[in-house]
Amino acid sequence: MSEALVEGGADGELRLSGVLDYQTGPVLRRAGQGLIREGKGQRLLIDCSAVKKSSSVGLSLLLAFIRDAVASEREVAIVGMPDDMHQIARVSGLLDVLPFAGEIRGNE
């Protein structure tokens, strides 16, 4: 079984790690949603630097987490996206949609 984890950090950070795939996706989705609901602060920083491997499920998680954060009127930024996630985002046409650090998007 794949191993993955989503953790809340200081200052509104959400850290993803491990393998993001169809096996880990549902558990990460529920855990991340809860952490976002409990989170405080105006900004949510989603750190993907510890992701070892990702399928399209990883991007689906990011989009769901972004939706949750925007619904909570929080700004969102993504950092540390690994190459495989970046390539899937590029092929899927999501690079213009995802709020990378320096391009913070909130409740627009």
PDB file of N, CA and C in Angstrom:
ATOM      1  N   MET A   1       0.843  -1.188   0.000  1.00  0.00           N
ATOM      2  CA  MET A   1       0.000   0.000   0.000  1.00  0.00           C
ATOM      3  C   MET A   1       0.884   1.246   0.000  1.00  0.00           C
ATOM      4  N   SER A   2       0.435   2.269  -0.695  1.00  0.00           N
ATOM      5  CA  SER A   2       1.155   3.533  -0.763  1.00  0.00           C
ATOM      6  C   SER A   2       1.082   4.248   0.578  1.00  0.00           C
ATOM      7  N   GLU A   3       2.115   4.995   0.878  1.00  0.00           N
ATOM      8  CA  GLU A   3       2.130   5.771   2.109  1.00  0.00           C
ATOM      9  C   GLU A   3       2.115   7.249   1.775  1.00  0.00           C
ATOM     10  N   ALA A   4       1.241   7.977   2.458  1.00  0.00           N
ATOM     11  CA  ALA A   4       1.128   9.413   2.257  1.00  0.00           C
ATOM     12  C   ALA A   4       0.569  10.034   3.526  1.00  0.00           C
ATOM     13  N   LEU A   5       0.766  11.342   3.639  1.00  0.00           N
ATOM     14  CA  LEU A   5       0.341  12.049   4.836  1.00  0.00           C
ATOM     15  C   LEU A   5       0.041  13.493   4.479  1.00  0.00           C
ATOM     16  N   VAL A   6      -0.949  14.052   5.137  1.00  0.00           N
ATOM     17  CA  VAL A   6      -1.210  15.487   5.077  1.00  0.00           C
ATOM     18  C   VAL A   6      -1.205  15.978   6.518  1.00  0.00           C
ATOM     19  N   GLU A   7      -0.431  17.034   6.751  1.00  0.00           N
ATOM     20  CA  GLU A   7      -0.284  17.579   8.104  1.00  0.00           C
ATOM     21  C   GLU A   7      -0.481  19.077   8.070  1.00  0.00           C
ATOM     22  N   GLY A   8      -1.015  19.591   9.161  1.00  0.00           N
ATOM     23  CA  GLY A   8      -1.127  21.027   9.325  1.00  0.00           C
ATOM     24  C   GLY A   8       0.125  21.542  10.003  1.00  0.00           C
ATOM     25  N   GLY A   9       0.580  22.692   9.581  1.00  0.00           N
ATOM     26  CA  GLY A   9       1.755  23.298  10.175  1.00  0.00           C
ATOM     27  C   GLY A   9       1.421  24.663  10.740  1.00  0.00           C
ATOM     28  N   ALA A  10       2.439  25.297  11.263  1.00  0.00           N
ATOM     29  CA  ALA A  10       2.272  26.635  11.811  1.00  0.00           C
ATOM     30  C   ALA A  10       1.934  27.616  10.692  1.00  0.00           C
ATOM     31  N   ASP A  11       1.275  28.679  11.054  1.00  0.00           N
ATOM     32  CA  ASP A  11       0.975  29.773  10.123  1.00  0.00           C
ATOM     33  C   ASP A  11       0.182  29.333   8.909  1.00  0.00           C
ATOM     34  N   GLY A  12      -0.773  28.437   9.093  1.00  0.00           N
ATOM     35  CA  GLY A  12      -1.662  28.056   8.006  1.00  0.00           C
ATOM     36  C   GLY A  12      -1.026  27.249   6.898  1.00  0.00           C
ATOM     37  N   GLU A  13      -0.175  26.333   7.260  1.00  0.00           N
ATOM     38  CA  GLU A  13       0.486  25.505   6.250  1.00  0.00           C
ATOM     39  C   GLU A  13      -0.155  24.117   6.222  1.00  0.00           C
ATOM     40  N   LEU A  14      -0.253  23.566   5.021  1.00  0.00           N
ATOM     41  CA  LEU A  14      -0.717  22.200   4.819  1.00  0.00           C
ATOM     42  C   LEU A  14       0.389  21.483   4.070  1.00  0.00           C
ATOM     43  N   ARG A  15       0.974  20.441   4.697  1.00  0.00           N
ATOM     44  CA  ARG A  15       2.104  19.732   4.089  1.00  0.00           C
ATOM     45  C   ARG A  15       1.672  18.362   3.596  1.00  0.00           C
ATOM     46  N   LEU A  16       1.881  18.132   2.304  1.00  0.00           N
ATOM     47  CA  LEU A  16       1.608  16.831   1.700  1.00  0.00           C
ATOM     48  C   LEU A  16       2.913  16.071   1.571  1.00  0.00           C
ATOM     49  N   SER A  17       2.876  14.761   1.840  1.00  0.00           N
ATOM     50  CA  SER A  17       4.087  13.963   1.688  1.00  0.00           C
ATOM     51  C   SER A  17       3.727  12.549   1.238  1.00  0.00           C
ATOM     52  N   GLY A  18       4.716  11.885   0.642  1.00  0.00           N
ATOM     53  CA  GLY A  18       4.537  10.502   0.237  1.00  0.00           C
ATOM     54  C   GLY A  18       4.040  10.360  -1.185  1.00  0.00           C
ATOM     55  N   VAL A  19       3.256   9.310  -1.407  1.00  0.00           N
ATOM     56  CA  VAL A  19       2.739   8.968  -2.729  1.00  0.00           C
ATOM     57  C   VAL A  19       1.266   9.353  -2.803  1.00  0.00           C
ATOM     58  N   LEU A  20       0.923  10.216  -3.770  1.00  0.00           N
ATOM     59  CA  LEU A  20      -0.448  10.661  -3.950  1.00  0.00           C
ATOM     60  C   LEU A  20      -1.050   9.885  -5.119  1.00  0.00           C
ATOM     61  N   ASP A  21      -1.926   8.956  -4.800  1.00  0.00           N
ATOM     62  CA  ASP A  21      -2.532   8.130  -5.842  1.00  0.00           C
ATOM     63  C   ASP A  21      -3.940   7.733  -5.419  1.00  0.00           C
ATOM     64  N   TYR A  22      -4.566   6.857  -6.206  1.00  0.00           N
ATOM     65  CA  TYR A  22      -5.950   6.464  -5.928  1.00  0.00           C
ATOM     66  C   TYR A  22      -6.095   5.757  -4.576  1.00  0.00           C
ATOM     67  N   GLN A  23      -5.021   5.150  -4.073  1.00  0.00           N
ATOM     68  CA  GLN A  23      -5.100   4.469  -2.777  1.00  0.00           C
ATOM     69  C   GLN A  23      -5.074   5.466  -1.621  1.00  0.00           C
ATOM     70  N   THR A  24      -4.256   6.486  -1.725  1.00  0.00           N
ATOM     71  CA  THR A  24      -4.095   7.434  -0.623  1.00  0.00           C
ATOM     72  C   THR A  24      -5.025   8.642  -0.732  1.00  0.00           C
ATOM     73  N   GLY A  25      -5.532   8.908  -1.921  1.00  0.00           N
ATOM     74  CA  GLY A  25      -6.329  10.107  -2.169  1.00  0.00           C
ATOM     75  C   GLY A  25      -7.517  10.315  -1.247  1.00  0.00           C
ATOM     76  N   PRO A  26      -8.399   9.333  -1.091  1.00  0.00           N
ATOM     77  CA  PRO A  26      -9.592   9.558  -0.262  1.00  0.00           C
ATOM     78  C   PRO A  26      -9.272   9.912   1.198  1.00  0.00           C
ATOM     79  N   VAL A  27      -8.303   9.242   1.773  1.00  0.00           N
ATOM     80  CA  VAL A  27      -7.931   9.528   3.168  1.00  0.00           C
ATOM     81  C   VAL A  27      -7.314  10.922   3.276  1.00  0.00           C
ATOM     82  N   LEU A  28      -6.437  11.263   2.326  1.00  0.00           N
ATOM     83  CA  LEU A  28      -5.822  12.590   2.336  1.00  0.00           C
ATOM     84  C   LEU A  28      -6.867  13.676   2.139  1.00  0.00           C
ATOM     85  N   ARG A  29      -7.834  13.411   1.299  1.00  0.00           N
ATOM     86  CA  ARG A  29      -8.896  14.397   1.045  1.00  0.00           C
ATOM     87  C   ARG A  29      -9.639  14.717   2.325  1.00  0.00           C
ATOM     88  N   ARG A  30     -10.076  13.683   3.034  1.00  0.00           N
ATOM     89  CA  ARG A  30     -10.827  13.907   4.283  1.00  0.00           C
ATOM     90  C   ARG A  30      -9.962  14.602   5.333  1.00  0.00           C
ATOM     91  N   ALA A  31      -8.720  14.141   5.476  1.00  0.00           N
ATOM     92  CA  ALA A  31      -7.833  14.729   6.487  1.00  0.00           C
ATOM     93  C   ALA A  31      -7.523  16.190   6.159  1.00  0.00           C
ATOM     94  N   GLY A  32      -7.226  16.467   4.901  1.00  0.00           N
ATOM     95  CA  GLY A  32      -6.913  17.839   4.493  1.00  0.00           C
ATOM     96  C   GLY A  32      -8.094  18.764   4.662  1.00  0.00           C
ATOM     97  N   GLN A  33      -9.271  18.280   4.328  1.00  0.00           N
ATOM     98  CA  GLN A  33     -10.475  19.089   4.478  1.00  0.00           C
ATOM     99  C   GLN A  33     -10.675  19.477   5.943  1.00  0.00           C
ATOM    100  N   GLY A  34     -10.472  18.525   6.841  1.00  0.00           N
ATOM    101  CA  GLY A  34     -10.602  18.808   8.267  1.00  0.00           C
ATOM    102  C   GLY A  34      -9.571  19.812   8.744  1.00  0.00           C
ATOM    103  N   LEU A  35      -8.328  19.657   8.297  1.00  0.00           N
ATOM    104  CA  LEU A  35      -7.274  20.588   8.692  1.00  0.00           C
ATOM    105  C   LEU A  35      -7.550  22.000   8.181  1.00  0.00           C
ATOM    106  N   ILE A  36      -8.082  22.097   6.982  1.00  0.00           N
ATOM    107  CA  ILE A  36      -8.393  23.421   6.428  1.00  0.00           C
ATOM    108  C   ILE A  36      -9.526  24.061   7.225  1.00  0.00           C
ATOM    109  N   ARG A  37     -10.532  23.278   7.571  1.00  0.00           N
ATOM    110  CA  ARG A  37     -11.637  23.808   8.380  1.00  0.00           C
ATOM    111  C   ARG A  37     -11.150  24.313   9.735  1.00  0.00           C
ATOM    112  N   GLU A  38     -10.240  23.565  10.346  1.00  0.00           N
ATOM    113  CA  GLU A  38      -9.729  23.924  11.670  1.00  0.00           C
ATOM    114  C   GLU A  38      -8.699  25.044  11.616  1.00  0.00           C
ATOM    115  N   GLY A  39      -8.121  25.255  10.456  1.00  0.00           N
ATOM    116  CA  GLY A  39      -7.028  26.220  10.324  1.00  0.00           C
ATOM    117  C   GLY A  39      -7.440  27.643  10.590  1.00  0.00           C
ATOM    118  N   LYS A  40      -6.466  28.388  10.996  1.00  0.00           N
ATOM    119  CA  LYS A  40      -6.682  29.799  11.289  1.00  0.00           C
ATOM    120  C   LYS A  40      -5.781  30.621  10.382  1.00  0.00           C
ATOM    121  N   GLY A  41      -6.101  31.850  10.278  1.00  0.00           N
ATOM    122  CA  GLY A  41      -5.288  32.737   9.464  1.00  0.00           C
ATOM    123  C   GLY A  41      -5.911  32.977   8.103  1.00  0.00           C
ATOM    124  N   GLN A  42      -5.440  33.987   7.466  1.00  0.00           N
ATOM    125  CA  GLN A  42      -5.970  34.410   6.177  1.00  0.00           C
ATOM    126  C   GLN A  42      -5.383  33.616   5.019  1.00  0.00           C
ATOM    127  N   ARG A  43      -4.237  32.989   5.229  1.00  0.00           N
ATOM    128  CA  ARG A  43      -3.517  32.347   4.139  1.00  0.00           C
ATOM    129  C   ARG A  43      -3.339  30.849   4.385  1.00  0.00           C
ATOM    130  N   LEU A  44      -3.467  30.067   3.315  1.00  0.00           N
ATOM    131  CA  LEU A  44      -3.167  28.642   3.352  1.00  0.00           C
ATOM    132  C   LEU A  44      -2.024  28.398   2.382  1.00  0.00           C
ATOM    133  N   LEU A  45      -0.928  27.909   2.887  1.00  0.00           N
ATOM    134  CA  LEU A  45       0.221  27.546   2.068  1.00  0.00           C
ATOM    135  C   LEU A  45       0.233  26.026   1.958  1.00  0.00           C
ATOM    136  N   ILE A  46       0.116  25.511   0.728  1.00  0.00           N
ATOM    137  CA  ILE A  46       0.129  24.070   0.498  1.00  0.00           C
ATOM    138  C   ILE A  46       1.533  23.698   0.033  1.00  0.00           C
ATOM    139  N   ASP A  47       2.247  22.967   0.877  1.00  0.00           N
ATOM    140  CA  ASP A  47       3.636  22.589   0.609  1.00  0.00           C
ATOM    141  C   ASP A  47       3.677  21.149   0.085  1.00  0.00           C
ATOM    142  N   CYS A  48       4.127  21.011  -1.146  1.00  0.00           N
ATOM    143  CA  CYS A  48       4.199  19.695  -1.803  1.00  0.00           C
ATOM    144  C   CYS A  48       5.629  19.171  -1.903  1.00  0.00           C
ATOM    145  N   SER A  49       6.562  19.819  -1.240  1.00  0.00           N
ATOM    146  CA  SER A  49       7.977  19.478  -1.416  1.00  0.00           C
ATOM    147  C   SER A  49       8.343  18.075  -0.942  1.00  0.00           C
ATOM    148  N   ALA A  50       7.519  17.460  -0.087  1.00  0.00           N
ATOM    149  CA  ALA A  50       7.818  16.111   0.395  1.00  0.00           C
ATOM    150  C   ALA A  50       7.034  15.029  -0.357  1.00  0.00           C
ATOM    151  N   VAL A  51       6.353  15.413  -1.432  1.00  0.00           N
ATOM    152  CA  VAL A  51       5.640  14.428  -2.248  1.00  0.00           C
ATOM    153  C   VAL A  51       6.676  13.637  -3.037  1.00  0.00           C
ATOM    154  N   LYS A  52       6.634  12.317  -2.903  1.00  0.00           N
ATOM    155  CA  LYS A  52       7.593  11.452  -3.594  1.00  0.00           C
ATOM    156  C   LYS A  52       7.139  11.123  -5.003  1.00  0.00           C
ATOM    157  N   LYS A  53       5.835  10.929  -5.170  1.00  0.00           N
ATOM    158  CA  LYS A  53       5.278  10.563  -6.477  1.00  0.00           C
ATOM    159  C   LYS A  53       3.808  10.950  -6.475  1.00  0.00           C
ATOM    160  N   SER A  54       3.327  11.369  -7.653  1.00  0.00           N
ATOM    161  CA  SER A  54       1.927  11.752  -7.736  1.00  0.00           C
ATOM    162  C   SER A  54       1.333  11.359  -9.076  1.00  0.00           C
ATOM    163  N   SER A  55       0.104  10.893  -9.012  1.00  0.00           N
ATOM    164  CA  SER A  55      -0.696  10.694 -10.214  1.00  0.00           C
ATOM    165  C   SER A  55      -1.586  11.934 -10.343  1.00  0.00           C
ATOM    166  N   SER A  56      -2.557  11.869 -11.222  1.00  0.00           N
ATOM    167  CA  SER A  56      -3.500  12.978 -11.355  1.00  0.00           C
ATOM    168  C   SER A  56      -4.306  13.177 -10.069  1.00  0.00           C
ATOM    169  N   VAL A  57      -4.329  12.180  -9.220  1.00  0.00           N
ATOM    170  CA  VAL A  57      -5.014  12.300  -7.928  1.00  0.00           C
ATOM    171  C   VAL A  57      -4.411  13.438  -7.103  1.00  0.00           C
ATOM    172  N   GLY A  58      -3.106  13.615  -7.175  1.00  0.00           N
ATOM    173  CA  GLY A  58      -2.459  14.706  -6.444  1.00  0.00           C
ATOM    174  C   GLY A  58      -2.987  16.058  -6.862  1.00  0.00           C
ATOM    175  N   LEU A  59      -3.180  16.257  -8.154  1.00  0.00           N
ATOM    176  CA  LEU A  59      -3.729  17.528  -8.634  1.00  0.00           C
ATOM    177  C   LEU A  59      -5.190  17.674  -8.231  1.00  0.00           C
ATOM    178  N   SER A  60      -5.921  16.584  -8.243  1.00  0.00           N
ATOM    179  CA  SER A  60      -7.305  16.620  -7.790  1.00  0.00           C
ATOM    180  C   SER A  60      -7.372  17.047  -6.321  1.00  0.00           C
ATOM    181  N   LEU A  61      -6.456  16.531  -5.512  1.00  0.00           N
ATOM    182  CA  LEU A  61      -6.391  16.936  -4.102  1.00  0.00           C
ATOM    183  C   LEU A  61      -6.113  18.425  -3.970  1.00  0.00           C
ATOM    184  N   LEU A  62      -5.141  18.914  -4.741  1.00  0.00           N
ATOM    185  CA  LEU A  62      -4.820  20.337  -4.683  1.00  0.00           C
ATOM    186  C   LEU A  62      -6.036  21.185  -5.027  1.00  0.00           C
ATOM    187  N   LEU A  63      -6.726  20.825  -6.088  1.00  0.00           N
ATOM    188  CA  LEU A  63      -7.912  21.588  -6.489  1.00  0.00           C
ATOM    189  C   LEU A  63      -8.990  21.550  -5.413  1.00  0.00           C
ATOM    190  N   ALA A  64      -9.182  20.403  -4.788  1.00  0.00           N
ATOM    191  CA  ALA A  64     -10.170  20.295  -3.705  1.00  0.00           C
ATOM    192  C   ALA A  64      -9.756  21.130  -2.496  1.00  0.00           C
ATOM    193  N   PHE A  65      -8.479  21.098  -2.150  1.00  0.00           N
ATOM    194  CA  PHE A  65      -7.995  21.894  -1.014  1.00  0.00           C
ATOM    195  C   PHE A  65      -8.115  23.387  -1.311  1.00  0.00           C
ATOM    196  N   ILE A  66      -7.838  23.775  -2.533  1.00  0.00           N
ATOM    197  CA  ILE A  66      -7.980  25.178  -2.923  1.00  0.00           C
ATOM    198  C   ILE A  66      -9.447  25.598  -2.790  1.00  0.00           C
ATOM    199  N   ARG A  67     -10.344  24.767  -3.284  1.00  0.00           N
ATOM    200  CA  ARG A  67     -11.779  25.058  -3.191  1.00  0.00           C
ATOM    201  C   ARG A  67     -12.200  25.209  -1.729  1.00  0.00           C
ATOM    202  N   ASP A  68     -11.732  24.312  -0.854  1.00  0.00           N
ATOM    203  CA  ASP A  68     -12.063  24.390   0.570  1.00  0.00           C
ATOM    204  C   ASP A  68     -11.555  25.691   1.184  1.00  0.00           C
ATOM    205  N   ALA A  69     -10.337  26.053   0.853  1.00  0.00           N
ATOM    206  CA  ALA A  69      -9.739  27.256   1.433  1.00  0.00           C
ATOM    207  C   ALA A  69     -10.452  28.516   0.944  1.00  0.00           C
ATOM    208  N   VAL A  70     -10.740  28.578  -0.340  1.00  0.00           N
ATOM    209  CA  VAL A  70     -11.435  29.747  -0.887  1.00  0.00           C
ATOM    210  C   VAL A  70     -12.837  29.857  -0.279  1.00  0.00           C
ATOM    211  N   ALA A  71     -13.498  28.730  -0.061  1.00  0.00           N
ATOM    212  CA  ALA A  71     -14.815  28.742   0.587  1.00  0.00           C
ATOM    213  C   ALA A  71     -14.724  29.283   2.010  1.00  0.00           C
ATOM    214  N   SER A  72     -13.556  29.135   2.635  1.00  0.00           N
ATOM    215  CA  SER A  72     -13.326  29.663   3.982  1.00  0.00           C
ATOM    216  C   SER A  72     -12.731  31.065   3.932  1.00  0.00           C
ATOM    217  N   GLU A  73     -12.754  31.666   2.733  1.00  0.00           N
ATOM    218  CA  GLU A  73     -12.249  33.026   2.514  1.00  0.00           C
ATOM    219  C   GLU A  73     -10.776  33.171   2.867  1.00  0.00           C
ATOM    220  N   ARG A  74     -10.005  32.159   2.504  1.00  0.00           N
ATOM    221  CA  ARG A  74      -8.560  32.191   2.741  1.00  0.00           C
ATOM    222  C   ARG A  74      -7.829  32.284   1.413  1.00  0.00           C
ATOM    223  N   GLU A  75      -6.712  32.959   1.425  1.00  0.00           N
ATOM    224  CA  GLU A  75      -5.842  33.009   0.264  1.00  0.00           C
ATOM    225  C   GLU A  75      -5.065  31.704   0.188  1.00  0.00           C
ATOM    226  N   VAL A  76      -4.652  31.310  -1.003  1.00  0.00           N
ATOM    227  CA  VAL A  76      -3.982  30.032  -1.192  1.00  0.00           C
ATOM    228  C   VAL A  76      -2.730  30.221  -2.025  1.00  0.00           C
ATOM    229  N   ALA A  77      -1.678  29.497  -1.657  1.00  0.00           N
ATOM    230  CA  ALA A  77      -0.456  29.443  -2.454  1.00  0.00           C
ATOM    231  C   ALA A  77       0.116  28.033  -2.358  1.00  0.00           C
ATOM    232  N   ILE A  78       0.687  27.571  -3.464  1.00  0.00           N
ATOM    233  CA  ILE A  78       1.299  26.245  -3.532  1.00  0.00           C
ATOM    234  C   ILE A  78       2.801  26.411  -3.694  1.00  0.00           C
ATOM    235  N   VAL A  79       3.562  25.635  -2.926  1.00  0.00           N
ATOM    236  CA  VAL A  79       5.019  25.643  -3.066  1.00  0.00           C
ATOM    237  C   VAL A  79       5.517  24.208  -3.173  1.00  0.00           C
ATOM    238  N   GLY A  80       6.679  24.051  -3.784  1.00  0.00           N
ATOM    239  CA  GLY A  80       7.383  22.776  -3.800  1.00  0.00           C
ATOM    240  C   GLY A  80       6.750  21.683  -4.641  1.00  0.00           C
ATOM    241  N   MET A  81       6.034  22.055  -5.688  1.00  0.00           N
ATOM    242  CA  MET A  81       5.405  21.024  -6.511  1.00  0.00           C
ATOM    243  C   MET A  81       6.478  20.220  -7.247  1.00  0.00           C
ATOM    244  N   PRO A  82       6.485  18.892  -7.077  1.00  0.00           N
ATOM    245  CA  PRO A  82       7.485  18.065  -7.747  1.00  0.00           C
ATOM    246  C   PRO A  82       7.238  18.007  -9.261  1.00  0.00           C
ATOM    247  N   ASP A  83       8.263  17.576  -9.980  1.00  0.00           N
ATOM    248  CA  ASP A  83       8.218  17.570 -11.443  1.00  0.00           C
ATOM    249  C   ASP A  83       7.061  16.766 -12.008  1.00  0.00           C
ATOM    250  N   ASP A  84       6.773  15.586 -11.451  1.00  0.00           N
ATOM    251  CA  ASP A  84       5.690  14.790 -12.032  1.00  0.00           C
ATOM    252  C   ASP A  84       4.342  15.492 -11.905  1.00  0.00           C
ATOM    253  N   MET A  85       4.094  16.142 -10.766  1.00  0.00           N
ATOM    254  CA  MET A  85       2.848  16.898 -10.597  1.00  0.00           C
ATOM    255  C   MET A  85       2.813  18.082 -11.560  1.00  0.00           C
ATOM    256  N   HIS A  86       3.942  18.750 -11.693  1.00  0.00           N
ATOM    257  CA  HIS A  86       4.018  19.908 -12.579  1.00  0.00           C
ATOM    258  C   HIS A  86       3.735  19.506 -14.020  1.00  0.00           C
ATOM    259  N   GLN A  87       4.271  18.378 -14.453  1.00  0.00           N
ATOM    260  CA  GLN A  87       4.047  17.912 -15.823  1.00  0.00           C
ATOM    261  C   GLN A  87       2.575  17.546 -16.052  1.00  0.00           C
ATOM    262  N   ILE A  88       1.951  16.909 -15.099  1.00  0.00           N
ATOM    263  CA  ILE A  88       0.529  16.581 -15.222  1.00  0.00           C
ATOM    264  C   ILE A  88      -0.294  17.868 -15.280  1.00  0.00           C
ATOM    265  N   ALA A  89       0.061  18.844 -14.451  1.00  0.00           N
ATOM    266  CA  ALA A  89      -0.642  20.133 -14.461  1.00  0.00           C
ATOM    267  C   ALA A  89      -0.478  20.829 -15.807  1.00  0.00           C
ATOM    268  N   ARG A  90       0.707  20.761 -16.362  1.00  0.00           N
ATOM    269  CA  ARG A  90       0.965  21.390 -17.666  1.00  0.00           C
ATOM    270  C   ARG A  90       0.122  20.736 -18.744  1.00  0.00           C
ATOM    271  N   VAL A  91       0.154  19.408 -18.811  1.00  0.00           N
ATOM    272  CA  VAL A  91      -0.601  18.659 -19.823  1.00  0.00           C
ATOM    273  C   VAL A  91      -2.110  18.884 -19.661  1.00  0.00           C
ATOM    274  N   SER A  92      -2.549  19.035 -18.431  1.00  0.00           N
ATOM    275  CA  SER A  92      -3.972  19.220 -18.139  1.00  0.00           C
ATOM    276  C   SER A  92      -4.434  20.667 -18.290  1.00  0.00           C
ATOM    277  N   GLY A  93      -3.507  21.576 -18.546  1.00  0.00           N
ATOM    278  CA  GLY A  93      -3.864  22.980 -18.672  1.00  0.00           C
ATOM    279  C   GLY A  93      -4.157  23.661 -17.355  1.00  0.00           C
ATOM    280  N   LEU A  94      -3.588  23.154 -16.272  1.00  0.00           N
ATOM    281  CA  LEU A  94      -3.869  23.696 -14.943  1.00  0.00           C
ATOM    282  C   LEU A  94      -2.831  24.693 -14.433  1.00  0.00           C
ATOM    283  N   LEU A  95      -1.736  24.878 -15.141  1.00  0.00           N
ATOM    284  CA  LEU A  95      -0.700  25.784 -14.637  1.00  0.00           C
ATOM    285  C   LEU A  95      -1.220  27.208 -14.474  1.00  0.00           C
ATOM    286  N   ASP A  96      -2.179  27.609 -15.312  1.00  0.00           N
ATOM    287  CA  ASP A  96      -2.747  28.956 -15.193  1.00  0.00           C
ATOM    288  C   ASP A  96      -3.798  29.049 -14.097  1.00  0.00           C
ATOM    289  N   VAL A  97      -4.247  27.910 -13.594  1.00  0.00           N
ATOM    290  CA  VAL A  97      -5.297  27.877 -12.582  1.00  0.00           C
ATOM    291  C   VAL A  97      -4.719  27.757 -11.178  1.00  0.00           C
ATOM    292  N   LEU A  98      -3.645  26.998 -11.038  1.00  0.00           N
ATOM    293  CA  LEU A  98      -3.067  26.745  -9.716  1.00  0.00           C
ATOM    294  C   LEU A  98      -2.335  27.976  -9.198  1.00  0.00           C
ATOM    295  N   PRO A  99      -2.597  28.356  -7.937  1.00  0.00           N
ATOM    296  CA  PRO A  99      -1.964  29.546  -7.359  1.00  0.00           C
ATOM    297  C   PRO A  99      -0.602  29.230  -6.737  1.00  0.00           C
ATOM    298  N   PHE A 100       0.432  29.328  -7.531  1.00  0.00           N
ATOM    299  CA  PHE A 100       1.777  29.090  -7.011  1.00  0.00           C
ATOM    300  C   PHE A 100       2.210  30.271  -6.158  1.00  0.00           C
ATOM    301  N   ALA A 101       3.110  30.043  -5.205  1.00  0.00           N
ATOM    302  CA  ALA A 101       3.608  31.099  -4.334  1.00  0.00           C
ATOM    303  C   ALA A 101       4.059  32.275  -5.196  1.00  0.00           C
ATOM    304  N   GLY A 102       3.694  33.456  -4.782  1.00  0.00           N
ATOM    305  CA  GLY A 102       3.985  34.653  -5.562  1.00  0.00           C
ATOM    306  C   GLY A 102       2.789  35.048  -6.415  1.00  0.00           C
ATOM    307  N   GLU A 103       1.816  34.138  -6.537  1.00  0.00           N
ATOM    308  CA  GLU A 103       0.602  34.379  -7.307  1.00  0.00           C
ATOM    309  C   GLU A 103      -0.607  34.058  -6.427  1.00  0.00           C
ATOM    310  N   ILE A 104      -0.644  34.564  -5.231  1.00  0.00           N
ATOM    311  CA  ILE A 104      -1.691  34.205  -4.271  1.00  0.00           C
ATOM    312  C   ILE A 104      -3.041  34.641  -4.796  1.00  0.00           C
ATOM    313  N   ARG A 105      -3.999  33.694  -4.740  1.00  0.00           N
ATOM    314  CA  ARG A 105      -5.366  33.964  -5.146  1.00  0.00           C
ATOM    315  C   ARG A 105      -6.284  33.638  -3.988  1.00  0.00           C
ATOM    316  N   GLY A 106      -7.246  34.442  -3.786  1.00  0.00           N
ATOM    317  CA  GLY A 106      -8.200  34.176  -2.701  1.00  0.00           C
ATOM    318  C   GLY A 106      -9.599  34.222  -3.220  1.00  0.00           C
ATOM    319  N   ASN A 107     -10.494  34.710  -2.413  1.00  0.00           N
ATOM    320  CA  ASN A 107     -11.899  34.802  -2.749  1.00  0.00           C
ATOM    321  C   ASN A 107     -12.090  35.981  -3.696  1.00  0.00           C
ATOM    322  N   GLU A 108     -11.883  35.749  -4.988  1.00  0.00           N
ATOM    323  CA  GLU A 108     -11.902  36.824  -5.986  1.00  0.00           C
ATOM    324  C   GLU A 108     -13.282  37.077  -6.505  1.00  0.00           C
TER     325      GLU A 108
END
